[in-house]
C-alpha atoms as a PDB file:
ATOM      1  CA  UNK A   1      34.574 -70.086 -59.762  1.00  0.00           C
ATOM      2  CA  UNK A   2      35.901 -66.561 -59.389  1.00  0.00           C
ATOM      3  CA  UNK A   3      32.528 -64.892 -59.449  1.00  0.00           C
ATOM      4  CA  UNK A   4      30.629 -64.864 -56.183  1.00  0.00           C
ATOM      5  CA  UNK A   5      26.930 -65.497 -56.083  1.00  0.00           C
ATOM      6  CA  UNK A   6      24.716 -62.394 -56.155  1.00  0.00           C
ATOM      7  CA  UNK A   7      21.800 -62.369 -53.799  1.00  0.00           C
ATOM      8  CA  UNK A   8      18.769 -60.115 -54.207  1.00  0.00           C
ATOM      9  CA  UNK A   9      18.133 -57.700 -51.396  1.00  0.00           C
ATOM     10  CA  UNK A  10      14.659 -57.158 -50.086  1.00  0.00           C
ATOM     11  CA  UNK A  11      13.055 -53.822 -50.944  1.00  0.00           C
ATOM     12  CA  UNK A  12      13.064 -51.185 -48.216  1.00  0.00           C
ATOM     13  CA  UNK A  13       9.826 -49.936 -46.750  1.00  0.00           C
ATOM     14  CA  UNK A  14       8.121 -47.077 -48.664  1.00  0.00           C
ATOM     15  CA  UNK A  15       8.481 -44.575 -45.795  1.00  0.00           C
ATOM     16  CA  UNK A  16      12.218 -45.044 -45.607  1.00  0.00           C
ATOM     17  CA  UNK A  17      12.638 -43.695 -49.162  1.00  0.00           C
ATOM     18  CA  UNK A  18      11.024 -40.397 -48.217  1.00  0.00           C
ATOM     19  CA  UNK A  19      13.173 -40.105 -45.112  1.00  0.00           C
ATOM     20  CA  UNK A  20      16.300 -40.236 -47.264  1.00  0.00           C
ATOM     21  CA  UNK A  21      15.176 -37.174 -49.246  1.00  0.00           C
ATOM     22  CA  UNK A  22      13.828 -35.211 -46.270  1.00  0.00           C
ATOM     23  CA  UNK A  23      17.116 -33.386 -45.487  1.00  0.00           C
ATOM     24  CA  UNK A  24      17.423 -32.273 -49.122  1.00  0.00           C
ATOM     25  CA  UNK A  25      13.820 -31.067 -49.172  1.00  0.00           C
ATOM     26  CA  UNK A  26      14.379 -29.132 -45.928  1.00  0.00           C
ATOM     27  CA  UNK A  27      17.544 -27.506 -47.311  1.00  0.00           C
ATOM     28  CA  UNK A  28      15.665 -26.376 -50.427  1.00  0.00           C
ATOM     29  CA  UNK A  29      12.857 -24.928 -48.290  1.00  0.00           C
ATOM     30  CA  UNK A  30      15.314 -23.040 -46.051  1.00  0.00           C
ATOM     31  CA  UNK A  31      17.182 -21.739 -49.118  1.00  0.00           C
ATOM     32  CA  UNK A  32      13.912 -20.470 -50.612  1.00  0.00           C
ATOM     33  CA  UNK A  33      12.717 -18.672 -47.477  1.00  0.00           C
ATOM     34  CA  UNK A  34      16.096 -17.175 -46.525  1.00  0.00           C
ATOM     35  CA  UNK A  35      17.513 -16.282 -49.945  1.00  0.00           C
ATOM     36  CA  UNK A  36      15.077 -16.266 -52.839  1.00  0.00           C
ATOM     37  CA  UNK A  37      11.894 -14.896 -51.285  1.00  0.00           C
ATOM     38  CA  UNK A  38      13.461 -11.740 -49.768  1.00  0.00           C
ATOM     39  CA  UNK A  39      15.320 -11.072 -53.023  1.00  0.00           C
ATOM     40  CA  UNK A  40      12.098 -11.346 -55.036  1.00  0.00           C
ATOM     41  CA  UNK A  41      10.345  -8.999 -52.606  1.00  0.00           C
ATOM     42  CA  UNK A  42      13.139  -6.441 -52.905  1.00  0.00           C
ATOM     43  CA  UNK A  43      13.066  -6.644 -56.711  1.00  0.00           C
ATOM     44  CA  UNK A  44       9.301  -6.099 -56.695  1.00  0.00           C
ATOM     45  CA  UNK A  45       9.670  -3.020 -54.452  1.00  0.00           C
ATOM     46  CA  UNK A  46      12.412  -1.581 -56.708  1.00  0.00           C
ATOM     47  CA  UNK A  47      10.239  -2.104 -59.790  1.00  0.00           C
ATOM     48  CA  UNK A  48       7.372  -0.238 -58.099  1.00  0.00           C
ATOM     49  CA  UNK A  49       9.784   2.580 -57.163  1.00  0.00           C
ATOM     50  CA  UNK A  50      10.921   2.916 -60.792  1.00  0.00           C
ATOM     51  CA  UNK A  51       7.357   2.975 -62.102  1.00  0.00           C
ATOM     52  CA  UNK A  52       6.444   5.755 -59.638  1.00  0.00           C
ATOM     53  CA  UNK A  53       9.275   8.108 -60.712  1.00  0.00           C
ATOM     54  CA  UNK A  54       8.076  11.525 -61.783  1.00  0.00           C
ATOM     55  CA  UNK A  55       9.463  14.916 -62.708  1.00  0.00           C
ATOM     56  CA  UNK A  56      10.757  16.804 -59.659  1.00  0.00           C
ATOM     57  CA  UNK A  57      11.618  13.727 -57.575  1.00  0.00           C
ATOM     58  CA  UNK A  58      14.958  13.920 -55.778  1.00  0.00           C
ATOM     59  CA  UNK A  59      16.903  10.698 -56.231  1.00  0.00           C
ATOM     60  CA  UNK A  60      20.220   9.004 -55.537  1.00  0.00           C
ATOM     61  CA  UNK A  61      21.611   6.701 -58.206  1.00  0.00           C
ATOM     62  CA  UNK A  62      23.449   3.439 -57.641  1.00  0.00           C
ATOM     63  CA  UNK A  63      26.693   5.262 -58.412  1.00  0.00           C
ATOM     64  CA  UNK A  64      25.999   7.695 -55.569  1.00  0.00           C
ATOM     65  CA  UNK A  65      25.037  10.797 -57.542  1.00  0.00           C
ATOM     66  CA  UNK A  66      22.175  12.827 -56.124  1.00  0.00           C
ATOM     67  CA  UNK A  67      19.956  14.996 -58.261  1.00  0.00           C
ATOM     68  CA  UNK A  68      16.475  16.048 -59.320  1.00  0.00           C
ATOM     69  CA  UNK A  69      14.598  14.347 -62.155  1.00  0.00           C
ATOM     70  CA  UNK A  70      13.778  16.727 -65.012  1.00  0.00           C
ATOM     71  CA  UNK A  71      12.457  14.273 -67.632  1.00  0.00           C
ATOM     72  CA  UNK A  72      11.069  10.745 -67.401  1.00  0.00           C
ATOM     73  CA  UNK A  73      11.039   8.436 -70.414  1.00  0.00           C
ATOM     74  CA  UNK A  74      10.236   4.770 -70.935  1.00  0.00           C
ATOM     75  CA  UNK A  75      13.761   3.511 -70.221  1.00  0.00           C
ATOM     76  CA  UNK A  76      15.747   6.643 -69.330  1.00  0.00           C
ATOM     77  CA  UNK A  77      15.465   9.576 -66.934  1.00  0.00           C
ATOM     78  CA  UNK A  78      17.227  12.917 -67.124  1.00  0.00           C
ATOM     79  CA  UNK A  79      18.671  14.014 -63.804  1.00  0.00           C
ATOM     80  CA  UNK A  80      19.905  17.514 -62.965  1.00  0.00           C
ATOM     81  CA  UNK A  81      22.940  16.999 -60.722  1.00  0.00           C
ATOM     82  CA  UNK A  82      23.973  20.672 -60.608  1.00  0.00           C
ATOM     83  CA  UNK A  83      22.627  23.922 -61.967  1.00  0.00           C
ATOM     84  CA  UNK A  84      22.439  23.599 -65.790  1.00  0.00           C
ATOM     85  CA  UNK A  85      24.129  20.168 -65.652  1.00  0.00           C
ATOM     86  CA  UNK A  86      21.895  17.288 -66.705  1.00  0.00           C
ATOM     87  CA  UNK A  87      22.734  13.655 -67.315  1.00  0.00           C
ATOM     88  CA  UNK A  88      20.679  10.916 -68.895  1.00  0.00           C
ATOM     89  CA  UNK A  89      20.626   7.578 -67.052  1.00  0.00           C
ATOM     90  CA  UNK A  90      18.710   4.339 -67.225  1.00  0.00           C
ATOM     91  CA  UNK A  91      15.770   4.120 -64.866  1.00  0.00           C
ATOM     92  CA  UNK A  92      17.274   1.035 -63.240  1.00  0.00           C
ATOM     93  CA  UNK A  93      20.218   3.114 -62.015  1.00  0.00           C
ATOM     94  CA  UNK A  94      17.971   4.977 -59.578  1.00  0.00           C
ATOM     95  CA  UNK A  95      18.462   3.435 -56.145  1.00  0.00           C
ATOM     96  CA  UNK A  96      16.537   5.681 -53.730  1.00  0.00           C
ATOM     97  CA  UNK A  97      13.927   8.417 -53.929  1.00  0.00           C
ATOM     98  CA  UNK A  98      14.713  11.101 -51.353  1.00  0.00           C
ATOM     99  CA  UNK A  99      12.304  13.211 -49.348  1.00  0.00           C
ATOM    100  CA  UNK A 100      11.557  16.548 -51.051  1.00  0.00           C
ATOM    101  CA  UNK A 101      14.006  19.243 -49.983  1.00  0.00           C
ATOM    102  CA  UNK A 102      16.848  16.884 -49.138  1.00  0.00           C
ATOM    103  CA  UNK A 103      19.091  18.257 -51.879  1.00  0.00           C
ATOM    104  CA  UNK A 104      18.979  21.733 -50.360  1.00  0.00           C
ATOM    105  CA  UNK A 105      20.577  20.369 -47.189  1.00  0.00           C
ATOM    106  CA  UNK A 106      23.440  18.674 -49.016  1.00  0.00           C
END
């Protein structure tokens, strides 16, 4: 009486199902190529930079301090930021390796 009759709907064509998800798939692909891939590439380059650190390299840390590496350990480096002033920092804090002789010009 109060309940209306329910009628079964015919199934949609198989290709139409894929077309519904196509915009989502495209958004995921664009997100990967514009956001994730460049970030992974940058992280890989930074890891290679940290592995190549050696005594005597002139570096700038993420905090902006410039100095010369005096000791390299597994996780830490010792950086001379002024004459007879050395600090110990994590390797990951090194942002950039400078060209030799740059500190003399500062």
